[in-house]
Amino acid sequence: MNSVALITGGSRGIGRGIARKLCENGYDVAVNGVREEDRVGDVLEELRSFGTEVIYCRGDVGSRTGRDAIMDKMRSHFGRMNVLVNNAGVAPRERKDPLEATEESFDRVMRINLKGPYFLTQAVARWMVEQKEKSASYAGTIVNVGSISATIVSPNRGEYCISKAGLAMHNKIWAVRLAEYDIPVYEVRPGIIKTDMTSAVTDKYDRLIADGLTVQPRWGYPEDVGKGVLSLVQGDFPYSSGEVIMIDGGLSVQRL
């Protein structure tokens, strides 16, 4: 029986790269997103081509009704769950100086990027504990997709940076709480990844990378993150719960 993974925001960008890597390696996958299912048909078709079961769980992780809908479908369709990847996230619709930032933007980013993962993890963790108590052989893993913005400041998108800093603490809290059940929790922290979220600033980062922003002189890609997540969920780091795995090409390495 295949392990089952839920990937929030799994129909595009980093989430799609993670979903692809897990499907390639024998995981049944539930892809979450907010778009209508017929708008992600090409993604689902691609993922199903690897021979595992793939379903779509539509729902906004930032709302209780959205999270309930996701969990209801997971329970009714699979009846089990081994992996949660908290990947869904948004950037501010407009980059603004913090002196001009709006409460509306702050609330939207926090709701989706921080409140959503926290309470979805709560629901999933309760179910994982139930499964562990029923079977000692049960294996569960939670992976949070953070960002270098947790520690590296971008003043014109302060709400995003704060949400990712909060997610870093969320990761530690759940690692501590679930340790007694042998359910590891990790954070992967991507750097400059080529996705639709970074498409508007491609020229900027092309220049910065060429000027030495990263140790490895290239963009990161969703598959780079997917490989990191796969390594974590298949148990390659069994004694590292709570740790942060940097996937940033060495951007965060301090240099003189």
C-alpha atoms as a PDB file:
ATOM      1  CA  MET A   1       0.000   0.000   0.000  1.00  0.00           C
ATOM      2  CA  ASN A   2       1.432   3.343  -1.050  1.00  0.00           C
ATOM      3  CA  SER A   3       2.036   6.137   1.426  1.00  0.00           C
ATOM      4  CA  VAL A   4      -0.364   9.083   1.005  1.00  0.00           C
ATOM      5  CA  ALA A   5       0.800  12.697   0.836  1.00  0.00           C
ATOM      6  CA  LEU A   6      -1.171  15.940   0.906  1.00  0.00           C
ATOM      7  CA  ILE A   7       0.584  18.889  -0.727  1.00  0.00           C
ATOM      8  CA  THR A   8      -1.016  22.285  -0.269  1.00  0.00           C
ATOM      9  CA  GLY A   9      -0.588  24.640  -3.189  1.00  0.00           C
ATOM     10  CA  GLY A  10       0.469  21.570  -5.127  1.00  0.00           C
ATOM     11  CA  SER A  11      -0.772  22.517  -8.587  1.00  0.00           C
ATOM     12  CA  ARG A  12       1.914  25.042  -9.481  1.00  0.00           C
ATOM     13  CA  GLY A  13       5.438  26.198  -8.750  1.00  0.00           C
ATOM     14  CA  ILE A  14       7.290  24.586  -5.868  1.00  0.00           C
ATOM     15  CA  GLY A  15       4.259  22.521  -4.860  1.00  0.00           C
ATOM     16  CA  ARG A  16       4.009  21.004  -8.309  1.00  0.00           C
ATOM     17  CA  GLY A  17       7.710  20.136  -8.226  1.00  0.00           C
ATOM     18  CA  ILE A  18       7.221  18.383  -4.888  1.00  0.00           C
ATOM     19  CA  ALA A  19       4.128  16.525  -6.102  1.00  0.00           C
ATOM     20  CA  ARG A  20       5.945  15.325  -9.207  1.00  0.00           C
ATOM     21  CA  LYS A  21       8.892  14.000  -7.218  1.00  0.00           C
ATOM     22  CA  LEU A  22       6.665  12.121  -4.774  1.00  0.00           C
ATOM     23  CA  CYS A  23       4.565  10.603  -7.557  1.00  0.00           C
ATOM     24  CA  GLU A  24       7.743   9.516  -9.364  1.00  0.00           C
ATOM     25  CA  ASN A  25       8.701   7.650  -6.216  1.00  0.00           C
ATOM     26  CA  GLY A  26       5.489   5.753  -5.537  1.00  0.00           C
ATOM     27  CA  TYR A  27       3.447   8.077  -3.328  1.00  0.00           C
ATOM     28  CA  ASP A  28      -0.284   8.536  -3.744  1.00  0.00           C
ATOM     29  CA  VAL A  29      -0.814  12.286  -3.734  1.00  0.00           C
ATOM     30  CA  ALA A  30      -3.591  14.719  -2.919  1.00  0.00           C
ATOM     31  CA  VAL A  31      -2.977  18.051  -4.618  1.00  0.00           C
ATOM     32  CA  ASN A  32      -4.581  21.032  -2.921  1.00  0.00           C
ATOM     33  CA  GLY A  33      -5.385  24.344  -4.572  1.00  0.00           C
ATOM     34  CA  VAL A  34      -8.068  26.994  -4.803  1.00  0.00           C
ATOM     35  CA  ARG A  35      -8.754  26.832  -8.546  1.00  0.00           C
ATOM     36  CA  GLU A  36     -11.564  24.784 -10.072  1.00  0.00           C
ATOM     37  CA  GLU A  37     -10.448  21.210 -10.745  1.00  0.00           C
ATOM     38  CA  ASP A  38     -10.912  21.535 -14.512  1.00  0.00           C
ATOM     39  CA  ARG A  39      -8.323  24.326 -14.504  1.00  0.00           C
ATOM     40  CA  VAL A  40      -5.630  22.017 -13.141  1.00  0.00           C
ATOM     41  CA  GLY A  41      -6.460  19.022 -15.304  1.00  0.00           C
ATOM     42  CA  ASP A  42      -3.129  19.130 -17.108  1.00  0.00           C
ATOM     43  CA  VAL A  43      -1.244  19.008 -13.807  1.00  0.00           C
ATOM     44  CA  LEU A  44      -3.273  16.066 -12.535  1.00  0.00           C
ATOM     45  CA  GLU A  45      -2.809  14.232 -15.832  1.00  0.00           C
ATOM     46  CA  GLU A  46       0.948  14.695 -15.667  1.00  0.00           C
ATOM     47  CA  LEU A  47       1.129  13.442 -12.077  1.00  0.00           C
ATOM     48  CA  ARG A  48      -1.071  10.427 -12.809  1.00  0.00           C
ATOM     49  CA  SER A  49       1.246   9.424 -15.648  1.00  0.00           C
ATOM     50  CA  PHE A  50       3.667   8.061 -13.034  1.00  0.00           C
ATOM     51  CA  GLY A  51       1.179   5.361 -12.084  1.00  0.00           C
ATOM     52  CA  THR A  52       0.134   6.378  -8.576  1.00  0.00           C
ATOM     53  CA  GLU A  53      -3.226   7.670  -7.413  1.00  0.00           C
ATOM     54  CA  VAL A  54      -3.677  11.433  -7.586  1.00  0.00           C
ATOM     55  CA  ILE A  55      -6.700  13.399  -6.427  1.00  0.00           C
ATOM     56  CA  TYR A  56      -7.500  17.093  -6.183  1.00  0.00           C
ATOM     57  CA  CYS A  57      -8.598  18.609  -2.863  1.00  0.00           C
ATOM     58  CA  ARG A  58      -9.923  22.074  -3.515  1.00  0.00           C
ATOM     59  CA  GLY A  59      -9.918  24.412  -0.547  1.00  0.00           C
ATOM     60  CA  ASP A  60      -8.452  27.596   0.886  1.00  0.00           C
ATOM     61  CA  VAL A  61      -6.073  26.606   3.685  1.00  0.00           C
ATOM     62  CA  GLY A  62      -6.573  30.052   5.200  1.00  0.00           C
ATOM     63  CA  SER A  63     -10.226  29.365   6.021  1.00  0.00           C
ATOM     64  CA  ARG A  64     -11.708  26.839   8.411  1.00  0.00           C
ATOM     65  CA  THR A  65     -14.274  25.684   5.852  1.00  0.00           C
ATOM     66  CA  GLY A  66     -11.497  25.210   3.300  1.00  0.00           C
ATOM     67  CA  ARG A  67      -9.419  23.134   5.700  1.00  0.00           C
ATOM     68  CA  ASP A  68     -12.441  21.065   6.684  1.00  0.00           C
ATOM     69  CA  ALA A  69     -13.186  20.350   3.019  1.00  0.00           C
ATOM     70  CA  ILE A  70      -9.619  19.197   2.432  1.00  0.00           C
ATOM     71  CA  MET A  71      -9.628  16.901   5.455  1.00  0.00           C
ATOM     72  CA  ASP A  72     -13.077  15.485   4.648  1.00  0.00           C
ATOM     73  CA  LYS A  73     -11.925  14.490   1.170  1.00  0.00           C
ATOM     74  CA  MET A  74      -8.697  12.962   2.473  1.00  0.00           C
ATOM     75  CA  ARG A  75     -10.603  10.848   4.966  1.00  0.00           C
ATOM     76  CA  SER A  76     -13.364   9.778   2.578  1.00  0.00           C
ATOM     77  CA  HIS A  77     -11.095   8.990  -0.378  1.00  0.00           C
ATOM     78  CA  PHE A  78      -7.916   7.565   1.136  1.00  0.00           C
ATOM     79  CA  GLY A  79      -8.857   6.906   4.747  1.00  0.00           C
ATOM     80  CA  ARG A  80      -5.214   7.341   5.704  1.00  0.00           C
ATOM     81  CA  MET A  81      -2.454   9.919   5.496  1.00  0.00           C
ATOM     82  CA  ASN A  82       1.307   9.750   5.940  1.00  0.00           C
ATOM     83  CA  VAL A  83       2.721  13.052   4.714  1.00  0.00           C
ATOM     84  CA  LEU A  84       1.670  16.677   4.968  1.00  0.00           C
ATOM     85  CA  VAL A  85       3.577  19.270   2.958  1.00  0.00           C
ATOM     86  CA  ASN A  86       2.573  22.798   3.975  1.00  0.00           C
ATOM     87  CA  ASN A  87       3.516  24.597   0.784  1.00  0.00           C
ATOM     88  CA  ALA A  88       0.639  26.944  -0.048  1.00  0.00           C
ATOM     89  CA  GLY A  89       1.598  30.576   0.270  1.00  0.00           C
ATOM     90  CA  VAL A  90       1.140  33.978  -1.291  1.00  0.00           C
ATOM     91  CA  ALA A  91       3.186  37.123  -1.715  1.00  0.00           C
ATOM     92  CA  PRO A  92       1.658  40.570  -1.185  1.00  0.00           C
ATOM     93  CA  ARG A  93      -0.354  41.677  -4.193  1.00  0.00           C
ATOM     94  CA  GLU A  94       1.665  44.896  -4.146  1.00  0.00           C
ATOM     95  CA  ARG A  95       5.160  45.383  -2.812  1.00  0.00           C
ATOM     96  CA  LYS A  96       5.046  48.392  -0.500  1.00  0.00           C
ATOM     97  CA  ASP A  97       7.396  50.299   1.731  1.00  0.00           C
ATOM     98  CA  PRO A  98       6.604  49.256   5.327  1.00  0.00           C
ATOM     99  CA  LEU A  99       5.677  52.876   5.995  1.00  0.00           C
ATOM    100  CA  GLU A 100       2.865  52.415   3.458  1.00  0.00           C
ATOM    101  CA  ALA A 101       1.847  48.799   4.110  1.00  0.00           C
ATOM    102  CA  THR A 102      -1.845  48.033   4.630  1.00  0.00           C
ATOM    103  CA  GLU A 103      -3.584  45.952   7.248  1.00  0.00           C
ATOM    104  CA  GLU A 104      -5.612  44.258   4.512  1.00  0.00           C
ATOM    105  CA  SER A 105      -2.473  42.924   2.829  1.00  0.00           C
ATOM    106  CA  PHE A 106      -0.943  41.896   6.163  1.00  0.00           C
ATOM    107  CA  ASP A 107      -4.090  40.004   7.195  1.00  0.00           C
ATOM    108  CA  ARG A 108      -4.353  38.208   3.832  1.00  0.00           C
ATOM    109  CA  VAL A 109      -0.738  37.043   3.852  1.00  0.00           C
ATOM    110  CA  MET A 110      -0.857  35.915   7.481  1.00  0.00           C
ATOM    111  CA  ARG A 111      -4.136  34.074   6.997  1.00  0.00           C
ATOM    112  CA  ILE A 112      -2.820  31.990   4.129  1.00  0.00           C
ATOM    113  CA  ASN A 113       0.874  31.685   4.965  1.00  0.00           C
ATOM    114  CA  LEU A 114       0.746  31.205   8.719  1.00  0.00           C
ATOM    115  CA  LYS A 115      -2.720  30.678  10.176  1.00  0.00           C
ATOM    116  CA  GLY A 116      -3.569  28.174   7.442  1.00  0.00           C
ATOM    117  CA  PRO A 117      -0.568  25.877   7.944  1.00  0.00           C
ATOM    118  CA  TYR A 118      -0.853  26.056  11.729  1.00  0.00           C
ATOM    119  CA  PHE A 119      -4.449  24.893  11.917  1.00  0.00           C
ATOM    120  CA  LEU A 120      -4.205  22.451   9.009  1.00  0.00           C
ATOM    121  CA  THR A 121      -1.237  20.893  10.795  1.00  0.00           C
ATOM    122  CA  GLN A 122      -3.327  20.697  13.947  1.00  0.00           C
ATOM    123  CA  ALA A 123      -6.025  18.724  12.121  1.00  0.00           C
ATOM    124  CA  VAL A 124      -3.545  16.481  10.346  1.00  0.00           C
ATOM    125  CA  ALA A 125      -1.482  15.905  13.490  1.00  0.00           C
ATOM    126  CA  ARG A 126      -4.533  14.713  15.396  1.00  0.00           C
ATOM    127  CA  TRP A 127      -5.235  12.203  12.631  1.00  0.00           C
ATOM    128  CA  MET A 128      -1.605  11.111  12.472  1.00  0.00           C
ATOM    129  CA  VAL A 129      -1.606  10.479  16.218  1.00  0.00           C
ATOM    130  CA  GLU A 130      -4.782   8.398  15.843  1.00  0.00           C
ATOM    131  CA  GLN A 131      -3.123   6.316  13.141  1.00  0.00           C
ATOM    132  CA  LYS A 132       0.039   5.885  15.214  1.00  0.00           C
ATOM    133  CA  GLU A 133      -1.936   4.737  18.242  1.00  0.00           C
ATOM    134  CA  LYS A 134      -3.703   2.133  16.106  1.00  0.00           C
ATOM    135  CA  SER A 135      -0.524   0.821  14.489  1.00  0.00           C
ATOM    136  CA  ALA A 136       3.021   1.068  15.844  1.00  0.00           C
ATOM    137  CA  SER A 137       4.336   0.638  12.297  1.00  0.00           C
ATOM    138  CA  TYR A 138       2.611   3.805  11.086  1.00  0.00           C
ATOM    139  CA  ALA A 139       5.005   6.414   9.678  1.00  0.00           C
ATOM    140  CA  GLY A 140       4.029  10.062   9.417  1.00  0.00           C
ATOM    141  CA  THR A 141       6.015  13.139   8.407  1.00  0.00           C
ATOM    142  CA  ILE A 142       5.274  16.859   8.160  1.00  0.00           C
ATOM    143  CA  VAL A 143       7.301  19.218   5.972  1.00  0.00           C
ATOM    144  CA  ASN A 144       6.882  22.990   5.999  1.00  0.00           C
ATOM    145  CA  VAL A 145       8.014  24.959   2.970  1.00  0.00           C
ATOM    146  CA  GLY A 146       9.491  28.156   4.358  1.00  0.00           C
ATOM    147  CA  SER A 147      11.689  30.748   2.707  1.00  0.00           C
ATOM    148  CA  ILE A 148      14.995  32.522   3.126  1.00  0.00           C
ATOM    149  CA  SER A 149      12.718  35.487   3.820  1.00  0.00           C
ATOM    150  CA  ALA A 150      12.377  34.090   7.351  1.00  0.00           C
ATOM    151  CA  THR A 151      15.770  35.621   8.110  1.00  0.00           C
ATOM    152  CA  ILE A 152      16.702  37.782   5.093  1.00  0.00           C
ATOM    153  CA  VAL A 153      14.874  41.096   4.942  1.00  0.00           C
ATOM    154  CA  SER A 154      12.908  42.351   1.950  1.00  0.00           C
ATOM    155  CA  PRO A 155      11.510  45.631   3.302  1.00  0.00           C
ATOM    156  CA  ASN A 156       8.975  46.052   0.503  1.00  0.00           C
ATOM    157  CA  ARG A 157       7.227  42.803   1.374  1.00  0.00           C
ATOM    158  CA  GLY A 158       7.472  42.850   5.122  1.00  0.00           C
ATOM    159  CA  GLU A 159       4.283  40.885   5.725  1.00  0.00           C
ATOM    160  CA  TYR A 160       5.669  37.982   3.680  1.00  0.00           C
ATOM    161  CA  CYS A 161       8.935  37.961   5.652  1.00  0.00           C
ATOM    162  CA  ILE A 162       7.070  38.023   8.959  1.00  0.00           C
ATOM    163  CA  SER A 163       4.813  35.154   7.862  1.00  0.00           C
ATOM    164  CA  LYS A 164       7.823  33.005   6.975  1.00  0.00           C
ATOM    165  CA  ALA A 165       9.574  33.851  10.237  1.00  0.00           C
ATOM    166  CA  GLY A 166       6.416  32.716  12.011  1.00  0.00           C
ATOM    167  CA  LEU A 167       6.363  29.512   9.975  1.00  0.00           C
ATOM    168  CA  ALA A 168       9.892  28.762  11.179  1.00  0.00           C
ATOM    169  CA  MET A 169       8.658  28.791  14.795  1.00  0.00           C
ATOM    170  CA  HIS A 170       5.564  26.817  13.786  1.00  0.00           C
ATOM    171  CA  ASN A 171       7.968  24.139  12.515  1.00  0.00           C
ATOM    172  CA  LYS A 172       9.753  23.922  15.860  1.00  0.00           C
ATOM    173  CA  ILE A 173       6.535  23.879  17.875  1.00  0.00           C
ATOM    174  CA  TRP A 174       5.139  20.904  15.980  1.00  0.00           C
ATOM    175  CA  ALA A 175       8.479  19.083  16.010  1.00  0.00           C
ATOM    176  CA  VAL A 176       8.478  19.284  19.805  1.00  0.00           C
ATOM    177  CA  ARG A 177       4.812  18.391  20.204  1.00  0.00           C
ATOM    178  CA  LEU A 178       4.881  15.349  17.917  1.00  0.00           C
ATOM    179  CA  ALA A 179       8.230  13.935  18.992  1.00  0.00           C
ATOM    180  CA  GLU A 180       6.650  11.537  21.494  1.00  0.00           C
ATOM    181  CA  TYR A 181       4.768   9.926  18.608  1.00  0.00           C
ATOM    182  CA  ASP A 182       7.883   9.634  16.425  1.00  0.00           C
ATOM    183  CA  ILE A 183       6.373  11.956  13.810  1.00  0.00           C
ATOM    184  CA  PRO A 184       9.211  14.158  12.521  1.00  0.00           C
ATOM    185  CA  VAL A 185       8.590  17.720  11.384  1.00  0.00           C
ATOM    186  CA  TYR A 186      10.972  19.603   9.103  1.00  0.00           C
ATOM    187  CA  GLU A 187      11.300  22.906   7.293  1.00  0.00           C
ATOM    188  CA  VAL A 188      12.771  23.260   3.834  1.00  0.00           C
ATOM    189  CA  ARG A 189      13.848  26.823   3.173  1.00  0.00           C
ATOM    190  CA  PRO A 190      14.109  27.636  -0.541  1.00  0.00           C
ATOM    191  CA  GLY A 191      16.016  30.575  -1.938  1.00  0.00           C
ATOM    192  CA  ILE A 192      15.523  32.138  -5.349  1.00  0.00           C
ATOM    193  CA  ILE A 193      13.302  29.599  -7.133  1.00  0.00           C
ATOM    194  CA  LYS A 194      12.059  30.085 -10.693  1.00  0.00           C
ATOM    195  CA  THR A 195       8.261  30.022 -10.389  1.00  0.00           C
ATOM    196  CA  ASP A 196       5.324  32.223 -11.298  1.00  0.00           C
ATOM    197  CA  MET A 197       5.806  34.026  -7.965  1.00  0.00           C
ATOM    198  CA  THR A 198       9.255  35.218  -9.042  1.00  0.00           C
ATOM    199  CA  SER A 199       8.421  35.798 -12.727  1.00  0.00           C
ATOM    200  CA  ALA A 200       7.912  39.540 -12.234  1.00  0.00           C
ATOM    201  CA  VAL A 201      11.438  39.960 -10.844  1.00  0.00           C
ATOM    202  CA  THR A 202      13.324  37.640 -13.205  1.00  0.00           C
ATOM    203  CA  ASP A 203      15.578  40.359 -14.597  1.00  0.00           C
ATOM    204  CA  LYS A 204      16.484  41.573 -11.121  1.00  0.00           C
ATOM    205  CA  TYR A 205      17.524  38.132  -9.906  1.00  0.00           C
ATOM    206  CA  ASP A 206      19.283  37.278 -13.159  1.00  0.00           C
ATOM    207  CA  ARG A 207      21.548  40.245 -12.473  1.00  0.00           C
ATOM    208  CA  LEU A 208      22.019  39.473  -8.794  1.00  0.00           C
ATOM    209  CA  ILE A 209      22.875  35.830  -9.447  1.00  0.00           C
ATOM    210  CA  ALA A 210      25.329  36.847 -12.164  1.00  0.00           C
ATOM    211  CA  ASP A 211      26.923  39.207  -9.620  1.00  0.00           C
ATOM    212  CA  GLY A 212      27.428  36.413  -7.075  1.00  0.00           C
ATOM    213  CA  LEU A 213      24.287  36.493  -4.924  1.00  0.00           C
ATOM    214  CA  THR A 214      24.384  32.705  -4.619  1.00  0.00           C
ATOM    215  CA  VAL A 215      27.376  30.406  -4.178  1.00  0.00           C
ATOM    216  CA  GLN A 216      25.994  28.186  -6.921  1.00  0.00           C
ATOM    217  CA  PRO A 217      25.544  30.570  -9.877  1.00  0.00           C
ATOM    218  CA  ARG A 218      22.050  29.623 -11.013  1.00  0.00           C
ATOM    219  CA  TRP A 219      18.381  29.865 -10.184  1.00  0.00           C
ATOM    220  CA  GLY A 220      16.820  27.158  -8.071  1.00  0.00           C
ATOM    221  CA  TYR A 221      13.999  25.115  -9.582  1.00  0.00           C
ATOM    222  CA  PRO A 222      10.925  23.416  -8.120  1.00  0.00           C
ATOM    223  CA  GLU A 223      12.552  20.016  -8.672  1.00  0.00           C
ATOM    224  CA  ASP A 224      15.417  21.055  -6.385  1.00  0.00           C
ATOM    225  CA  VAL A 225      12.916  21.524  -3.586  1.00  0.00           C
ATOM    226  CA  GLY A 226      11.078  18.343  -4.562  1.00  0.00           C
ATOM    227  CA  LYS A 227      14.250  16.292  -4.143  1.00  0.00           C
ATOM    228  CA  GLY A 228      14.793  17.756  -0.689  1.00  0.00           C
ATOM    229  CA  VAL A 229      11.250  17.000   0.429  1.00  0.00           C
ATOM    230  CA  LEU A 230      11.429  13.450  -0.920  1.00  0.00           C
ATOM    231  CA  SER A 231      14.596  12.810   1.072  1.00  0.00           C
ATOM    232  CA  LEU A 232      12.869  13.959   4.254  1.00  0.00           C
ATOM    233  CA  VAL A 233       9.605  12.066   3.841  1.00  0.00           C
ATOM    234  CA  GLN A 234      11.276   8.797   2.895  1.00  0.00           C
ATOM    235  CA  GLY A 235      13.193   8.878   6.174  1.00  0.00           C
ATOM    236  CA  ASP A 236      16.726   9.817   5.174  1.00  0.00           C
ATOM    237  CA  PHE A 237      17.021  12.164   8.193  1.00  0.00           C
ATOM    238  CA  PRO A 238      15.407  10.152  11.000  1.00  0.00           C
ATOM    239  CA  TYR A 239      17.204  11.967  13.847  1.00  0.00           C
ATOM    240  CA  SER A 240      16.758  15.563  12.701  1.00  0.00           C
ATOM    241  CA  SER A 241      13.204  16.566  13.575  1.00  0.00           C
ATOM    242  CA  GLY A 242      12.765  20.323  13.807  1.00  0.00           C
ATOM    243  CA  GLU A 243      15.691  21.084  11.538  1.00  0.00           C
ATOM    244  CA  VAL A 244      15.811  23.497   8.609  1.00  0.00           C
ATOM    245  CA  ILE A 245      17.086  22.220   5.266  1.00  0.00           C
ATOM    246  CA  MET A 246      18.426  25.096   3.178  1.00  0.00           C
ATOM    247  CA  ILE A 247      17.742  24.848  -0.563  1.00  0.00           C
ATOM    248  CA  ASP A 248      19.145  28.198  -1.582  1.00  0.00           C
ATOM    249  CA  GLY A 249      22.281  27.551  -3.608  1.00  0.00           C
ATOM    250  CA  GLY A 250      24.386  28.928  -0.785  1.00  0.00           C
ATOM    251  CA  LEU A 251      22.685  32.336  -0.767  1.00  0.00           C
ATOM    252  CA  SER A 252      22.569  32.361   3.043  1.00  0.00           C
ATOM    253  CA  VAL A 253      26.262  31.484   3.443  1.00  0.00           C
ATOM    254  CA  GLN A 254      27.974  34.520   4.955  1.00  0.00           C
ATOM    255  CA  ARG A 255      30.957  35.660   2.918  1.00  0.00           C
ATOM    256  CA  LEU A 256      33.531  38.422   3.066  1.00  0.00           C
END
